């Protein structure tokens, strides 16, 4: 799984951010996981400013945003649709 993972939360429904960001050229995949929007992007450092601009232009208030390389949990979640934490519980 190449690229980076951007995780963000917004004020109000997370689906508002998903609607804005899904289909953007810098987003390979987008979903709502654990009350946050999870985006898979090729280059996070390039995508982050575009994400901020897109949300601002749509009037969606960003609460938190994070960028990281995919972890084992990210790979498992992408393949199975469940996190490792869910499986362990």
PDB file of N, CA and C in Angstrom:
ATOM      1  N   UNK A   1       0.851  -1.166   0.000  1.00  0.00           N
ATOM      2  CA  UNK A   1       0.000   0.000   0.000  1.00  0.00           C
ATOM      3  C   UNK A   1       0.898   1.230   0.000  1.00  0.00           C
ATOM      4  N   UNK A   2       1.000   1.884  -1.115  1.00  0.00           N
ATOM      5  CA  UNK A   2       1.864   3.051  -1.245  1.00  0.00           C
ATOM      6  C   UNK A   2       1.112   4.315  -0.883  1.00  0.00           C
ATOM      7  N   UNK A   3       1.850   5.368  -0.617  1.00  0.00           N
ATOM      8  CA  UNK A   3       1.245   6.659  -0.340  1.00  0.00           C
ATOM      9  C   UNK A   3       1.118   6.925   1.140  1.00  0.00           C
ATOM     10  N   UNK A   4       0.248   7.857   1.473  1.00  0.00           N
ATOM     11  CA  UNK A   4       0.050   8.306   2.839  1.00  0.00           C
ATOM     12  C   UNK A   4      -1.421   8.225   3.206  1.00  0.00           C
ATOM     13  N   UNK A   5      -1.673   8.287   4.513  1.00  0.00           N
ATOM     14  CA  UNK A   5      -3.038   8.290   5.030  1.00  0.00           C
ATOM     15  C   UNK A   5      -3.271   9.624   5.729  1.00  0.00           C
ATOM     16  N   UNK A   6      -4.328  10.304   5.336  1.00  0.00           N
ATOM     17  CA  UNK A   6      -4.744  11.545   5.993  1.00  0.00           C
ATOM     18  C   UNK A   6      -6.033  11.233   6.739  1.00  0.00           C
ATOM     19  N   UNK A   7      -6.050  11.532   8.029  1.00  0.00           N
ATOM     20  CA  UNK A   7      -7.224  11.322   8.852  1.00  0.00           C
ATOM     21  C   UNK A   7      -7.687  12.674   9.359  1.00  0.00           C
ATOM     22  N   UNK A   8      -8.972  12.968   9.224  1.00  0.00           N
ATOM     23  CA  UNK A   8      -9.476  14.269   9.655  1.00  0.00           C
ATOM     24  C   UNK A   8     -10.870  14.150  10.242  1.00  0.00           C
ATOM     25  N   UNK A   9     -11.212  15.121  11.073  1.00  0.00           N
ATOM     26  CA  UNK A   9     -12.570  15.254  11.586  1.00  0.00           C
ATOM     27  C   UNK A   9     -13.023  16.685  11.339  1.00  0.00           C
ATOM     28  N   UNK A  10     -14.321  16.832  11.188  1.00  0.00           N
ATOM     29  CA  UNK A  10     -14.904  18.148  10.937  1.00  0.00           C
ATOM     30  C   UNK A  10     -16.044  18.383  11.912  1.00  0.00           C
ATOM     31  N   UNK A  11     -16.407  19.650  12.063  1.00  0.00           N
ATOM     32  CA  UNK A  11     -17.590  19.993  12.853  1.00  0.00           C
ATOM     33  C   UNK A  11     -18.808  19.553  12.052  1.00  0.00           C
ATOM     34  N   UNK A  12     -19.725  18.887  12.696  1.00  0.00           N
ATOM     35  CA  UNK A  12     -20.903  18.396  11.990  1.00  0.00           C
ATOM     36  C   UNK A  12     -20.659  17.008  11.443  1.00  0.00           C
ATOM     37  N   UNK A  13     -21.506  16.581  10.522  1.00  0.00           N
ATOM     38  CA  UNK A  13     -21.386  15.218  10.002  1.00  0.00           C
ATOM     39  C   UNK A  13     -20.110  15.026   9.176  1.00  0.00           C
ATOM     40  N   UNK A  14     -19.442  13.912   9.435  1.00  0.00           N
ATOM     41  CA  UNK A  14     -18.213  13.600   8.695  1.00  0.00           C
ATOM     42  C   UNK A  14     -18.505  13.392   7.208  1.00  0.00           C
ATOM     43  N   UNK A  15     -19.722  13.011   6.906  1.00  0.00           N
ATOM     44  CA  UNK A  15     -20.097  12.792   5.508  1.00  0.00           C
ATOM     45  C   UNK A  15     -19.987  14.072   4.680  1.00  0.00           C
ATOM     46  N   UNK A  16     -20.087  15.234   5.319  1.00  0.00           N
ATOM     47  CA  UNK A  16     -19.940  16.500   4.583  1.00  0.00           C
ATOM     48  C   UNK A  16     -18.530  16.599   4.009  1.00  0.00           C
ATOM     49  N   UNK A  17     -17.528  16.241   4.813  1.00  0.00           N
ATOM     50  CA  UNK A  17     -16.139  16.269   4.328  1.00  0.00           C
ATOM     51  C   UNK A  17     -15.925  15.193   3.270  1.00  0.00           C
ATOM     52  N   UNK A  18     -16.494  14.025   3.496  1.00  0.00           N
ATOM     53  CA  UNK A  18     -16.346  12.934   2.534  1.00  0.00           C
ATOM     54  C   UNK A  18     -16.920  13.339   1.183  1.00  0.00           C
ATOM     55  N   UNK A  19     -18.083  13.982   1.194  1.00  0.00           N
ATOM     56  CA  UNK A  19     -18.709  14.433  -0.061  1.00  0.00           C
ATOM     57  C   UNK A  19     -17.823  15.420  -0.810  1.00  0.00           C
ATOM     58  N   UNK A  20     -17.142  16.303  -0.071  1.00  0.00           N
ATOM     59  CA  UNK A  20     -16.276  17.319  -0.691  1.00  0.00           C
ATOM     60  C   UNK A  20     -15.014  16.675  -1.257  1.00  0.00           C
ATOM     61  N   UNK A  21     -14.433  15.733  -0.527  1.00  0.00           N
ATOM     62  CA  UNK A  21     -13.108  15.227  -0.873  1.00  0.00           C
ATOM     63  C   UNK A  21     -13.103  14.009  -1.780  1.00  0.00           C
ATOM     64  N   UNK A  22     -14.153  13.218  -1.720  1.00  0.00           N
ATOM     65  CA  UNK A  22     -14.218  12.020  -2.561  1.00  0.00           C
ATOM     66  C   UNK A  22     -14.248  12.447  -4.021  1.00  0.00           C
ATOM     67  N   UNK A  23     -13.432  11.837  -4.811  1.00  0.00           N
ATOM     68  CA  UNK A  23     -13.391  12.175  -6.231  1.00  0.00           C
ATOM     69  C   UNK A  23     -12.390  13.257  -6.591  1.00  0.00           C
ATOM     70  N   UNK A  24     -11.763  13.882  -5.590  1.00  0.00           N
ATOM     71  CA  UNK A  24     -10.722  14.864  -5.889  1.00  0.00           C
ATOM     72  C   UNK A  24      -9.524  14.134  -6.502  1.00  0.00           C
ATOM     73  N   UNK A  25      -8.797  14.761  -7.415  1.00  0.00           N
ATOM     74  CA  UNK A  25      -7.709  14.055  -8.102  1.00  0.00           C
ATOM     75  C   UNK A  25      -6.580  13.593  -7.178  1.00  0.00           C
ATOM     76  N   UNK A  26      -6.411  14.224  -6.047  1.00  0.00           N
ATOM     77  CA  UNK A  26      -5.324  13.860  -5.137  1.00  0.00           C
ATOM     78  C   UNK A  26      -5.743  12.777  -4.140  1.00  0.00           C
ATOM     79  N   UNK A  27      -7.014  12.350  -4.164  1.00  0.00           N
ATOM     80  CA  UNK A  27      -7.515  11.323  -3.247  1.00  0.00           C
ATOM     81  C   UNK A  27      -7.717  10.016  -4.028  1.00  0.00           C
ATOM     82  N   UNK A  28      -6.995   8.962  -3.607  1.00  0.00           N
ATOM     83  CA  UNK A  28      -7.147   7.655  -4.255  1.00  0.00           C
ATOM     84  C   UNK A  28      -8.343   6.895  -3.702  1.00  0.00           C
ATOM     85  N   UNK A  29      -8.573   7.051  -2.393  1.00  0.00           N
ATOM     86  CA  UNK A  29      -9.674   6.348  -1.733  1.00  0.00           C
ATOM     87  C   UNK A  29     -10.091   7.156  -0.516  1.00  0.00           C
ATOM     88  N   UNK A  30     -11.375   7.159  -0.204  1.00  0.00           N
ATOM     89  CA  UNK A  30     -11.878   7.913   0.944  1.00  0.00           C
ATOM     90  C   UNK A  30     -12.992   7.138   1.615  1.00  0.00           C
ATOM     91  N   UNK A  31     -13.011   7.197   2.955  1.00  0.00           N
ATOM     92  CA  UNK A  31     -14.054   6.512   3.710  1.00  0.00           C
ATOM     93  C   UNK A  31     -14.185   7.158   5.085  1.00  0.00           C
ATOM     94  N   UNK A  32     -15.264   6.799   5.780  1.00  0.00           N
ATOM     95  CA  UNK A  32     -15.443   7.233   7.169  1.00  0.00           C
ATOM     96  C   UNK A  32     -15.162   6.026   8.043  1.00  0.00           C
ATOM     97  N   UNK A  33     -14.187   6.165   8.930  1.00  0.00           N
ATOM     98  CA  UNK A  33     -13.783   5.091   9.832  1.00  0.00           C
ATOM     99  C   UNK A  33     -13.652   5.652  11.234  1.00  0.00           C
ATOM    100  N   UNK A  34     -14.313   5.025  12.193  1.00  0.00           N
ATOM    101  CA  UNK A  34     -14.201   5.425  13.597  1.00  0.00           C
ATOM    102  C   UNK A  34     -14.448   6.927  13.796  1.00  0.00           C
ATOM    103  N   UNK A  35     -15.518   7.439  13.238  1.00  0.00           N
ATOM    104  CA  UNK A  35     -15.929   8.847  13.386  1.00  0.00           C
ATOM    105  C   UNK A  35     -14.931   9.836  12.799  1.00  0.00           C
ATOM    106  N   UNK A  36     -14.150   9.414  11.832  1.00  0.00           N
ATOM    107  CA  UNK A  36     -13.204  10.301  11.155  1.00  0.00           C
ATOM    108  C   UNK A  36     -13.192   9.951   9.669  1.00  0.00           C
ATOM    109  N   UNK A  37     -12.790  10.903   8.866  1.00  0.00           N
ATOM    110  CA  UNK A  37     -12.630  10.667   7.437  1.00  0.00           C
ATOM    111  C   UNK A  37     -11.202  10.207   7.210  1.00  0.00           C
ATOM    112  N   UNK A  38     -11.057   9.105   6.510  1.00  0.00           N
ATOM    113  CA  UNK A  38      -9.732   8.546   6.203  1.00  0.00           C
ATOM    114  C   UNK A  38      -9.527   8.641   4.701  1.00  0.00           C
ATOM    115  N   UNK A  39      -8.448   9.309   4.301  1.00  0.00           N
ATOM    116  CA  UNK A  39      -8.121   9.479   2.891  1.00  0.00           C
ATOM    117  C   UNK A  39      -6.802   8.795   2.586  1.00  0.00           C
ATOM    118  N   UNK A  40      -6.746   8.088   1.482  1.00  0.00           N
ATOM    119  CA  UNK A  40      -5.501   7.518   0.993  1.00  0.00           C
ATOM    120  C   UNK A  40      -5.059   8.393  -0.175  1.00  0.00           C
ATOM    121  N   UNK A  41      -3.874   8.971  -0.041  1.00  0.00           N
ATOM    122  CA  UNK A  41      -3.353   9.907  -1.042  1.00  0.00           C
ATOM    123  C   UNK A  41      -1.948   9.469  -1.449  1.00  0.00           C
ATOM    124  N   UNK A  42      -1.507   9.907  -2.627  1.00  0.00           N
ATOM    125  CA  UNK A  42      -0.163   9.552  -3.084  1.00  0.00           C
ATOM    126  C   UNK A  42       0.907  10.288  -2.299  1.00  0.00           C
ATOM    127  N   UNK A  43       0.766  11.581  -2.163  1.00  0.00           N
ATOM    128  CA  UNK A  43       1.769  12.391  -1.466  1.00  0.00           C
ATOM    129  C   UNK A  43       1.057  13.318  -0.494  1.00  0.00           C
ATOM    130  N   UNK A  44       1.108  12.960   0.759  1.00  0.00           N
ATOM    131  CA  UNK A  44       0.390  13.694   1.783  1.00  0.00           C
ATOM    132  C   UNK A  44       0.795  15.145   1.891  1.00  0.00           C
ATOM    133  N   UNK A  45       2.090  15.422   1.750  1.00  0.00           N
ATOM    134  CA  UNK A  45       2.569  16.799   1.885  1.00  0.00           C
ATOM    135  C   UNK A  45       2.043  17.696   0.772  1.00  0.00           C
ATOM    136  N   UNK A  46       1.692  17.112  -0.354  1.00  0.00           N
ATOM    137  CA  UNK A  46       1.110  17.875  -1.465  1.00  0.00           C
ATOM    138  C   UNK A  46      -0.413  17.933  -1.317  1.00  0.00           C
ATOM    139  N   UNK A  47      -1.007  16.853  -0.846  1.00  0.00           N
ATOM    140  CA  UNK A  47      -2.470  16.781  -0.728  1.00  0.00           C
ATOM    141  C   UNK A  47      -3.010  17.639   0.411  1.00  0.00           C
ATOM    142  N   UNK A  48      -2.263  17.772   1.508  1.00  0.00           N
ATOM    143  CA  UNK A  48      -2.771  18.494   2.680  1.00  0.00           C
ATOM    144  C   UNK A  48      -3.245  19.917   2.356  1.00  0.00           C
ATOM    145  N   UNK A  49      -2.456  20.743   1.673  1.00  0.00           N
ATOM    146  CA  UNK A  49      -2.948  22.088   1.357  1.00  0.00           C
ATOM    147  C   UNK A  49      -4.209  22.061   0.479  1.00  0.00           C
ATOM    148  N   UNK A  50      -4.267  21.124  -0.457  1.00  0.00           N
ATOM    149  CA  UNK A  50      -5.448  21.017  -1.320  1.00  0.00           C
ATOM    150  C   UNK A  50      -6.672  20.593  -0.508  1.00  0.00           C
ATOM    151  N   UNK A  51      -6.490  19.700   0.454  1.00  0.00           N
ATOM    152  CA  UNK A  51      -7.594  19.275   1.325  1.00  0.00           C
ATOM    153  C   UNK A  51      -8.123  20.465   2.117  1.00  0.00           C
ATOM    154  N   UNK A  52      -7.210  21.230   2.693  1.00  0.00           N
ATOM    155  CA  UNK A  52      -7.611  22.411   3.471  1.00  0.00           C
ATOM    156  C   UNK A  52      -8.377  23.411   2.612  1.00  0.00           C
ATOM    157  N   UNK A  53      -7.882  23.658   1.402  1.00  0.00           N
ATOM    158  CA  UNK A  53      -8.562  24.598   0.497  1.00  0.00           C
ATOM    159  C   UNK A  53      -9.950  24.091   0.109  1.00  0.00           C
ATOM    160  N   UNK A  54     -10.057  22.809  -0.191  1.00  0.00           N
ATOM    161  CA  UNK A  54     -11.342  22.239  -0.608  1.00  0.00           C
ATOM    162  C   UNK A  54     -12.378  22.328   0.503  1.00  0.00           C
ATOM    163  N   UNK A  55     -11.981  21.978   1.717  1.00  0.00           N
ATOM    164  CA  UNK A  55     -12.914  22.049   2.842  1.00  0.00           C
ATOM    165  C   UNK A  55     -13.326  23.486   3.125  1.00  0.00           C
ATOM    166  N   UNK A  56     -12.360  24.407   3.089  1.00  0.00           N
ATOM    167  CA  UNK A  56     -12.655  25.814   3.338  1.00  0.00           C
ATOM    168  C   UNK A  56     -13.608  26.367   2.279  1.00  0.00           C
ATOM    169  N   UNK A  57     -13.361  26.038   1.025  1.00  0.00           N
ATOM    170  CA  UNK A  57     -14.214  26.530  -0.060  1.00  0.00           C
ATOM    171  C   UNK A  57     -15.645  26.013   0.063  1.00  0.00           C
ATOM    172  N   UNK A  58     -15.796  24.807   0.623  1.00  0.00           N
ATOM    173  CA  UNK A  58     -17.127  24.221   0.788  1.00  0.00           C
ATOM    174  C   UNK A  58     -17.785  24.651   2.095  1.00  0.00           C
ATOM    175  N   UNK A  59     -17.070  25.422   2.922  1.00  0.00           N
ATOM    176  CA  UNK A  59     -17.620  25.872   4.188  1.00  0.00           C
ATOM    177  C   UNK A  59     -17.663  24.796   5.255  1.00  0.00           C
ATOM    178  N   UNK A  60     -16.830  23.774   5.115  1.00  0.00           N
ATOM    179  CA  UNK A  60     -16.767  22.689   6.098  1.00  0.00           C
ATOM    180  C   UNK A  60     -15.656  23.024   7.091  1.00  0.00           C
ATOM    181  N   UNK A  61     -16.009  23.075   8.381  1.00  0.00           N
ATOM    182  CA  UNK A  61     -15.052  23.474   9.417  1.00  0.00           C
ATOM    183  C   UNK A  61     -14.222  22.275   9.868  1.00  0.00           C
ATOM    184  N   UNK A  62     -12.919  22.347   9.639  1.00  0.00           N
ATOM    185  CA  UNK A  62     -11.987  21.303  10.027  1.00  0.00           C
ATOM    186  C   UNK A  62     -11.709  21.379  11.523  1.00  0.00           C
ATOM    187  N   UNK A  63     -11.761  20.227  12.197  1.00  0.00           N
ATOM    188  CA  UNK A  63     -11.464  20.168  13.630  1.00  0.00           C
ATOM    189  C   UNK A  63     -10.063  19.600  13.865  1.00  0.00           C
ATOM    190  N   UNK A  64      -9.755  18.447  13.259  1.00  0.00           N
ATOM    191  CA  UNK A  64      -8.433  17.835  13.395  1.00  0.00           C
ATOM    192  C   UNK A  64      -7.994  17.277  12.050  1.00  0.00           C
ATOM    193  N   UNK A  65      -6.674  17.189  11.877  1.00  0.00           N
ATOM    194  CA  UNK A  65      -6.126  16.568  10.674  1.00  0.00           C
ATOM    195  C   UNK A  65      -4.785  15.955  11.033  1.00  0.00           C
ATOM    196  N   UNK A  66      -4.523  14.784  10.473  1.00  0.00           N
ATOM    197  CA  UNK A  66      -3.261  14.102  10.722  1.00  0.00           C
ATOM    198  C   UNK A  66      -2.786  13.399   9.464  1.00  0.00           C
ATOM    199  N   UNK A  67      -1.483  13.235   9.368  1.00  0.00           N
ATOM    200  CA  UNK A  67      -0.859  12.605   8.208  1.00  0.00           C
ATOM    201  C   UNK A  67       0.107  11.551   8.705  1.00  0.00           C
ATOM    202  N   UNK A  68       0.022  10.345   8.154  1.00  0.00           N
ATOM    203  CA  UNK A  68       0.979   9.307   8.514  1.00  0.00           C
ATOM    204  C   UNK A  68       1.122   8.283   7.396  1.00  0.00           C
ATOM    205  N   UNK A  69       2.184   7.525   7.477  1.00  0.00           N
ATOM    206  CA  UNK A  69       2.400   6.417   6.552  1.00  0.00           C
ATOM    207  C   UNK A  69       1.465   5.280   6.955  1.00  0.00           C
ATOM    208  N   UNK A  70       1.042   4.464   6.019  1.00  0.00           N
ATOM    209  CA  UNK A  70       0.136   3.372   6.350  1.00  0.00           C
ATOM    210  C   UNK A  70       0.757   2.406   7.369  1.00  0.00           C
ATOM    211  N   UNK A  71      -0.032   2.035   8.369  1.00  0.00           N
ATOM    212  CA  UNK A  71       0.396   1.072   9.374  1.00  0.00           C
ATOM    213  C   UNK A  71      -0.191  -0.298   9.028  1.00  0.00           C
ATOM    214  N   UNK A  72       0.177  -1.297   9.802  1.00  0.00           N
ATOM    215  CA  UNK A  72      -0.407  -2.622   9.614  1.00  0.00           C
ATOM    216  C   UNK A  72      -1.926  -2.556   9.784  1.00  0.00           C
ATOM    217  N   UNK A  73      -2.411  -1.756  10.743  1.00  0.00           N
ATOM    218  CA  UNK A  73      -3.845  -1.603  10.945  1.00  0.00           C
ATOM    219  C   UNK A  73      -4.512  -0.976   9.721  1.00  0.00           C
ATOM    220  N   UNK A  74      -3.847   0.003   9.097  1.00  0.00           N
ATOM    221  CA  UNK A  74      -4.399   0.626   7.891  1.00  0.00           C
ATOM    222  C   UNK A  74      -4.535  -0.398   6.762  1.00  0.00           C
ATOM    223  N   UNK A  75      -3.520  -1.236   6.588  1.00  0.00           N
ATOM    224  CA  UNK A  75      -3.553  -2.259   5.542  1.00  0.00           C
ATOM    225  C   UNK A  75      -4.677  -3.255   5.825  1.00  0.00           C
ATOM    226  N   UNK A  76      -4.786  -3.708   7.082  1.00  0.00           N
ATOM    227  CA  UNK A  76      -5.832  -4.657   7.471  1.00  0.00           C
ATOM    228  C   UNK A  76      -7.215  -4.050   7.257  1.00  0.00           C
ATOM    229  N   UNK A  77      -7.386  -2.786   7.673  1.00  0.00           N
ATOM    230  CA  UNK A  77      -8.660  -2.096   7.511  1.00  0.00           C
ATOM    231  C   UNK A  77      -9.036  -1.991   6.040  1.00  0.00           C
ATOM    232  N   UNK A  78      -8.079  -1.668   5.215  1.00  0.00           N
ATOM    233  CA  UNK A  78      -8.364  -1.504   3.785  1.00  0.00           C
ATOM    234  C   UNK A  78      -8.756  -2.836   3.144  1.00  0.00           C
ATOM    235  N   UNK A  79      -8.130  -3.927   3.575  1.00  0.00           N
ATOM    236  CA  UNK A  79      -8.397  -5.226   2.982  1.00  0.00           C
ATOM    237  C   UNK A  79      -9.677  -5.873   3.511  1.00  0.00           C
ATOM    238  N   UNK A  80      -9.975  -5.665   4.799  1.00  0.00           N
ATOM    239  CA  UNK A  80     -11.099  -6.373   5.416  1.00  0.00           C
ATOM    240  C   UNK A  80     -12.284  -5.485   5.752  1.00  0.00           C
ATOM    241  N   UNK A  81     -12.050  -4.175   5.840  1.00  0.00           N
ATOM    242  CA  UNK A  81     -13.119  -3.267   6.246  1.00  0.00           C
ATOM    243  C   UNK A  81     -13.269  -3.170   7.752  1.00  0.00           C
ATOM    244  N   UNK A  82     -12.407  -3.843   8.507  1.00  0.00           N
ATOM    245  CA  UNK A  82     -12.432  -3.799   9.973  1.00  0.00           C
ATOM    246  C   UNK A  82     -11.026  -3.502  10.479  1.00  0.00           C
ATOM    247  N   UNK A  83     -10.950  -2.836  11.628  1.00  0.00           N
ATOM    248  CA  UNK A  83      -9.639  -2.548  12.204  1.00  0.00           C
ATOM    249  C   UNK A  83      -9.184  -3.740  13.041  1.00  0.00           C
ATOM    250  N   UNK A  84      -7.890  -3.827  13.282  1.00  0.00           N
ATOM    251  CA  UNK A  84      -7.346  -4.898  14.123  1.00  0.00           C
ATOM    252  C   UNK A  84      -7.932  -4.829  15.520  1.00  0.00           C
ATOM    253  N   UNK A  85      -8.210  -3.615  16.008  1.00  0.00           N
ATOM    254  CA  UNK A  85      -8.804  -3.440  17.342  1.00  0.00           C
ATOM    255  C   UNK A  85     -10.183  -4.099  17.421  1.00  0.00           C
ATOM    256  N   UNK A  86     -10.959  -3.987  16.352  1.00  0.00           N
ATOM    257  CA  UNK A  86     -12.280  -4.609  16.320  1.00  0.00           C
ATOM    258  C   UNK A  86     -12.163  -6.128  16.372  1.00  0.00           C
ATOM    259  N   UNK A  87     -11.203  -6.676  15.661  1.00  0.00           N
ATOM    260  CA  UNK A  87     -11.016  -8.118  15.607  1.00  0.00           C
ATOM    261  C   UNK A  87     -10.567  -8.649  16.964  1.00  0.00           C
ATOM    262  N   UNK A  88      -9.719  -7.894  17.660  1.00  0.00           N
ATOM    263  CA  UNK A  88      -9.206  -8.330  18.952  1.00  0.00           C
ATOM    264  C   UNK A  88     -10.269  -8.288  20.045  1.00  0.00           C
ATOM    265  N   UNK A  89     -11.264  -7.450  19.890  1.00  0.00           N
ATOM    266  CA  UNK A  89     -12.294  -7.290  20.946  1.00  0.00           C
ATOM    267  C   UNK A  89     -13.281  -8.394  20.995  1.00  0.00           C
TER     268      UNK A  89
END
